[in-house]
Amino acid sequence: MKTLSRLISLAAALAAASAFAQSPAGLWKTVDDKTGKERALVRISESGGVFSAKIEKLLAADAKPDAKCDQCTDARKDQPIVGMTIMRNVKKNDDIYDGGDILDANNGKVYRVRLTLAADNKKLDVKGYIGTPLLGRTQSWQRVE
């Protein structure tokens, strides 16, 4: 009976740990919502409940490894895209993550952002929008690690 009780306790602890581990933090492969082609590897990190993301590697066949954000209009103007912070100030809000912004390094525009993590923790819907999320564009990113 003690063994069964220990197994139940262990299973409950693992389930709780698994639920806690649900987070967008990690390495993601971005996929262009228009072409379906892989674009970049982006690492989302968390500090004090606030999420941000940096581009680690460009994957597109035509991507230049030394590309700069010449279309950016803020402090990121003419900065290297690899290593650039493209998402800032995102916080968990119930089942979604929002409140921050995301940069489209292709055109230099900054959008509000909403992240929705799939139940299996392997897909992240990233919606960039202006005004209301109903009028935005969504990309589905795939977890790499």
C-alpha atoms as a PDB file:
ATOM      1  CA  MET A   1       0.000   0.000   0.000  1.00  0.00           C
ATOM      2  CA  LYS A   2       2.905   2.358   0.739  1.00  0.00           C
ATOM      3  CA  THR A   3       4.249   1.817  -2.772  1.00  0.00           C
ATOM      4  CA  LEU A   4       0.900   2.727  -4.355  1.00  0.00           C
ATOM      5  CA  SER A   5       0.678   5.840  -2.187  1.00  0.00           C
ATOM      6  CA  ARG A   6       4.209   6.877  -3.210  1.00  0.00           C
ATOM      7  CA  LEU A   7       3.422   6.314  -6.887  1.00  0.00           C
ATOM      8  CA  ILE A   8       0.297   8.454  -6.628  1.00  0.00           C
ATOM      9  CA  SER A   9       2.270  11.213  -4.883  1.00  0.00           C
ATOM     10  CA  LEU A  10       4.995  11.027  -7.517  1.00  0.00           C
ATOM     11  CA  ALA A  11       2.444  11.167 -10.364  1.00  0.00           C
ATOM     12  CA  ALA A  12       0.767  14.208  -8.777  1.00  0.00           C
ATOM     13  CA  ALA A  13       4.130  15.951  -8.358  1.00  0.00           C
ATOM     14  CA  LEU A  14       5.075  15.242 -11.976  1.00  0.00           C
ATOM     15  CA  ALA A  15       1.723  16.534 -13.211  1.00  0.00           C
ATOM     16  CA  ALA A  16       2.140  19.728 -11.193  1.00  0.00           C
ATOM     17  CA  ALA A  17       5.691  20.204 -12.496  1.00  0.00           C
ATOM     18  CA  SER A  18       4.508  19.637 -16.059  1.00  0.00           C
ATOM     19  CA  ALA A  19       1.758  22.226 -15.711  1.00  0.00           C
ATOM     20  CA  PHE A  20       4.238  24.695 -14.231  1.00  0.00           C
ATOM     21  CA  ALA A  21       6.678  24.059 -17.103  1.00  0.00           C
ATOM     22  CA  GLN A  22       4.167  25.381 -19.660  1.00  0.00           C
ATOM     23  CA  SER A  23       5.943  28.516 -20.812  1.00  0.00           C
ATOM     24  CA  PRO A  24       6.919  30.185 -24.077  1.00  0.00           C
ATOM     25  CA  ALA A  25      10.520  30.383 -22.850  1.00  0.00           C
ATOM     26  CA  GLY A  26      12.879  28.430 -25.098  1.00  0.00           C
ATOM     27  CA  LEU A  27      14.097  28.241 -28.687  1.00  0.00           C
ATOM     28  CA  TRP A  28      11.522  28.574 -31.484  1.00  0.00           C
ATOM     29  CA  LYS A  29      11.614  28.244 -35.263  1.00  0.00           C
ATOM     30  CA  THR A  30       9.639  31.013 -36.926  1.00  0.00           C
ATOM     31  CA  VAL A  31       7.624  30.160 -40.013  1.00  0.00           C
ATOM     32  CA  ASP A  32       6.396  32.818 -42.436  1.00  0.00           C
ATOM     33  CA  ASP A  33       2.588  32.840 -42.361  1.00  0.00           C
ATOM     34  CA  LYS A  34       2.398  33.777 -46.059  1.00  0.00           C
ATOM     35  CA  THR A  35       5.002  31.470 -47.620  1.00  0.00           C
ATOM     36  CA  GLY A  36       5.238  28.690 -45.013  1.00  0.00           C
ATOM     37  CA  LYS A  37       9.052  28.946 -45.155  1.00  0.00           C
ATOM     38  CA  GLU A  38      11.301  28.838 -42.105  1.00  0.00           C
ATOM     39  CA  ARG A  39      12.668  32.295 -41.337  1.00  0.00           C
ATOM     40  CA  ALA A  40      14.674  32.309 -38.101  1.00  0.00           C
ATOM     41  CA  LEU A  41      15.486  30.765 -34.746  1.00  0.00           C
ATOM     42  CA  VAL A  42      14.246  32.970 -31.925  1.00  0.00           C
ATOM     43  CA  ARG A  43      15.020  32.479 -28.232  1.00  0.00           C
ATOM     44  CA  ILE A  44      12.346  33.607 -25.790  1.00  0.00           C
ATOM     45  CA  SER A  45      13.612  34.221 -22.269  1.00  0.00           C
ATOM     46  CA  GLU A  46      11.888  35.155 -19.025  1.00  0.00           C
ATOM     47  CA  SER A  47      13.112  37.419 -16.251  1.00  0.00           C
ATOM     48  CA  GLY A  48      10.905  38.336 -13.309  1.00  0.00           C
ATOM     49  CA  GLY A  49       7.745  37.258 -15.129  1.00  0.00           C
ATOM     50  CA  VAL A  50       8.547  39.362 -18.211  1.00  0.00           C
ATOM     51  CA  PHE A  51       9.288  37.647 -21.534  1.00  0.00           C
ATOM     52  CA  SER A  52      11.497  38.936 -24.337  1.00  0.00           C
ATOM     53  CA  ALA A  53      12.898  37.367 -27.508  1.00  0.00           C
ATOM     54  CA  LYS A  54      16.081  37.656 -29.559  1.00  0.00           C
ATOM     55  CA  ILE A  55      16.906  36.354 -33.016  1.00  0.00           C
ATOM     56  CA  GLU A  56      19.639  33.713 -32.759  1.00  0.00           C
ATOM     57  CA  LYS A  57      19.947  32.644 -36.385  1.00  0.00           C
ATOM     58  CA  LEU A  58      18.433  33.465 -39.775  1.00  0.00           C
ATOM     59  CA  LEU A  59      17.254  30.361 -41.668  1.00  0.00           C
ATOM     60  CA  ALA A  60      15.963  31.692 -44.984  1.00  0.00           C
ATOM     61  CA  ALA A  61      18.096  30.651 -47.962  1.00  0.00           C
ATOM     62  CA  ASP A  62      18.381  34.278 -49.093  1.00  0.00           C
ATOM     63  CA  ALA A  63      19.192  35.644 -45.607  1.00  0.00           C
ATOM     64  CA  LYS A  64      22.451  37.509 -45.126  1.00  0.00           C
ATOM     65  CA  PRO A  65      24.091  36.583 -41.807  1.00  0.00           C
ATOM     66  CA  ASP A  66      25.259  40.202 -41.363  1.00  0.00           C
ATOM     67  CA  ALA A  67      21.855  41.740 -42.250  1.00  0.00           C
ATOM     68  CA  LYS A  68      20.971  44.959 -40.461  1.00  0.00           C
ATOM     69  CA  CYS A  69      17.562  46.433 -39.664  1.00  0.00           C
ATOM     70  CA  ASP A  70      17.726  49.391 -42.046  1.00  0.00           C
ATOM     71  CA  GLN A  71      13.922  49.806 -41.916  1.00  0.00           C
ATOM     72  CA  CYS A  72      13.814  50.143 -38.105  1.00  0.00           C
ATOM     73  CA  THR A  73      12.894  53.573 -36.774  1.00  0.00           C
ATOM     74  CA  ASP A  74      13.911  53.174 -33.103  1.00  0.00           C
ATOM     75  CA  ALA A  75      17.238  52.403 -31.382  1.00  0.00           C
ATOM     76  CA  ARG A  76      17.483  49.182 -33.435  1.00  0.00           C
ATOM     77  CA  LYS A  77      17.980  51.106 -36.699  1.00  0.00           C
ATOM     78  CA  ASP A  78      20.998  49.782 -38.626  1.00  0.00           C
ATOM     79  CA  GLN A  79      21.711  47.212 -35.895  1.00  0.00           C
ATOM     80  CA  PRO A  80      22.458  43.547 -36.765  1.00  0.00           C
ATOM     81  CA  ILE A  81      19.307  41.438 -36.943  1.00  0.00           C
ATOM     82  CA  VAL A  82      21.038  38.385 -35.456  1.00  0.00           C
ATOM     83  CA  GLY A  83      21.163  39.059 -31.723  1.00  0.00           C
ATOM     84  CA  MET A  84      18.449  41.721 -31.912  1.00  0.00           C
ATOM     85  CA  THR A  85      15.667  41.837 -29.315  1.00  0.00           C
ATOM     86  CA  ILE A  86      12.471  41.638 -31.359  1.00  0.00           C
ATOM     87  CA  MET A  87       9.940  41.068 -28.568  1.00  0.00           C
ATOM     88  CA  ARG A  88       9.738  42.975 -25.279  1.00  0.00           C
ATOM     89  CA  ASN A  89       7.655  43.348 -22.112  1.00  0.00           C
ATOM     90  CA  VAL A  90       5.318  40.366 -22.563  1.00  0.00           C
ATOM     91  CA  LYS A  91       3.602  39.043 -19.415  1.00  0.00           C
ATOM     92  CA  LYS A  92       1.362  36.079 -18.647  1.00  0.00           C
ATOM     93  CA  ASN A  93      -2.317  36.989 -18.523  1.00  0.00           C
ATOM     94  CA  ASP A  94      -4.457  33.892 -17.827  1.00  0.00           C
ATOM     95  CA  ASP A  95      -3.909  31.530 -20.804  1.00  0.00           C
ATOM     96  CA  ILE A  96      -2.229  34.105 -23.033  1.00  0.00           C
ATOM     97  CA  TYR A  97       0.898  36.225 -22.912  1.00  0.00           C
ATOM     98  CA  ASP A  98       0.553  39.865 -23.943  1.00  0.00           C
ATOM     99  CA  GLY A  99       1.156  43.479 -23.018  1.00  0.00           C
ATOM    100  CA  GLY A 100       4.370  43.865 -24.982  1.00  0.00           C
ATOM    101  CA  ASP A 101       5.465  44.499 -28.530  1.00  0.00           C
ATOM    102  CA  ILE A 102       7.171  42.697 -31.391  1.00  0.00           C
ATOM    103  CA  LEU A 103       9.316  44.021 -34.219  1.00  0.00           C
ATOM    104  CA  ASP A 104       8.975  42.843 -37.807  1.00  0.00           C
ATOM    105  CA  ALA A 105      12.632  43.172 -38.828  1.00  0.00           C
ATOM    106  CA  ASN A 106      11.640  42.898 -42.509  1.00  0.00           C
ATOM    107  CA  ASN A 107       9.816  46.229 -42.510  1.00  0.00           C
ATOM    108  CA  GLY A 108      10.913  47.847 -39.233  1.00  0.00           C
ATOM    109  CA  LYS A 109       7.367  48.097 -37.876  1.00  0.00           C
ATOM    110  CA  VAL A 110       6.562  47.479 -34.229  1.00  0.00           C
ATOM    111  CA  TYR A 111       3.276  45.816 -33.303  1.00  0.00           C
ATOM    112  CA  ARG A 112       1.540  44.891 -30.084  1.00  0.00           C
ATOM    113  CA  VAL A 113       1.887  41.165 -29.483  1.00  0.00           C
ATOM    114  CA  ARG A 114      -0.161  38.309 -28.068  1.00  0.00           C
ATOM    115  CA  LEU A 115       1.238  34.795 -27.591  1.00  0.00           C
ATOM    116  CA  THR A 116      -0.871  31.668 -27.225  1.00  0.00           C
ATOM    117  CA  LEU A 117       0.923  28.477 -26.264  1.00  0.00           C
ATOM    118  CA  ALA A 118      -0.504  25.151 -27.494  1.00  0.00           C
ATOM    119  CA  ALA A 119      -1.466  22.586 -24.858  1.00  0.00           C
ATOM    120  CA  ASP A 120       1.419  20.320 -25.929  1.00  0.00           C
ATOM    121  CA  ASN A 121       3.902  23.206 -25.371  1.00  0.00           C
ATOM    122  CA  LYS A 122       5.322  22.669 -28.902  1.00  0.00           C
ATOM    123  CA  LYS A 123       3.520  25.371 -30.904  1.00  0.00           C
ATOM    124  CA  LEU A 124       3.272  29.074 -30.207  1.00  0.00           C
ATOM    125  CA  ASP A 125       0.826  31.323 -32.027  1.00  0.00           C
ATOM    126  CA  VAL A 126       2.353  34.794 -32.251  1.00  0.00           C
ATOM    127  CA  LYS A 127      -0.113  37.524 -33.188  1.00  0.00           C
ATOM    128  CA  GLY A 128       1.141  40.978 -34.104  1.00  0.00           C
ATOM    129  CA  TYR A 129      -1.504  43.692 -34.250  1.00  0.00           C
ATOM    130  CA  ILE A 130      -2.310  47.381 -34.120  1.00  0.00           C
ATOM    131  CA  GLY A 131      -5.302  48.425 -32.057  1.00  0.00           C
ATOM    132  CA  THR A 132      -7.265  45.236 -31.482  1.00  0.00           C
ATOM    133  CA  PRO A 133      -6.030  41.624 -31.761  1.00  0.00           C
ATOM    134  CA  LEU A 134      -8.950  40.917 -34.117  1.00  0.00           C
ATOM    135  CA  LEU A 135      -7.139  42.905 -36.807  1.00  0.00           C
ATOM    136  CA  GLY A 136      -3.768  41.230 -36.550  1.00  0.00           C
ATOM    137  CA  ARG A 137      -1.623  38.659 -38.262  1.00  0.00           C
ATOM    138  CA  THR A 138      -0.636  35.351 -36.693  1.00  0.00           C
ATOM    139  CA  GLN A 139       2.437  33.174 -37.202  1.00  0.00           C
ATOM    140  CA  SER A 140       2.769  29.708 -35.702  1.00  0.00           C
ATOM    141  CA  TRP A 141       6.218  29.074 -34.297  1.00  0.00           C
ATOM    142  CA  GLN A 142       7.542  25.557 -33.621  1.00  0.00           C
ATOM    143  CA  ARG A 143       9.501  24.708 -30.476  1.00  0.00           C
ATOM    144  CA  VAL A 144      13.064  23.551 -31.143  1.00  0.00           C
ATOM    145  CA  GLU A 145      14.061  22.981 -27.511  1.00  0.00           C
END
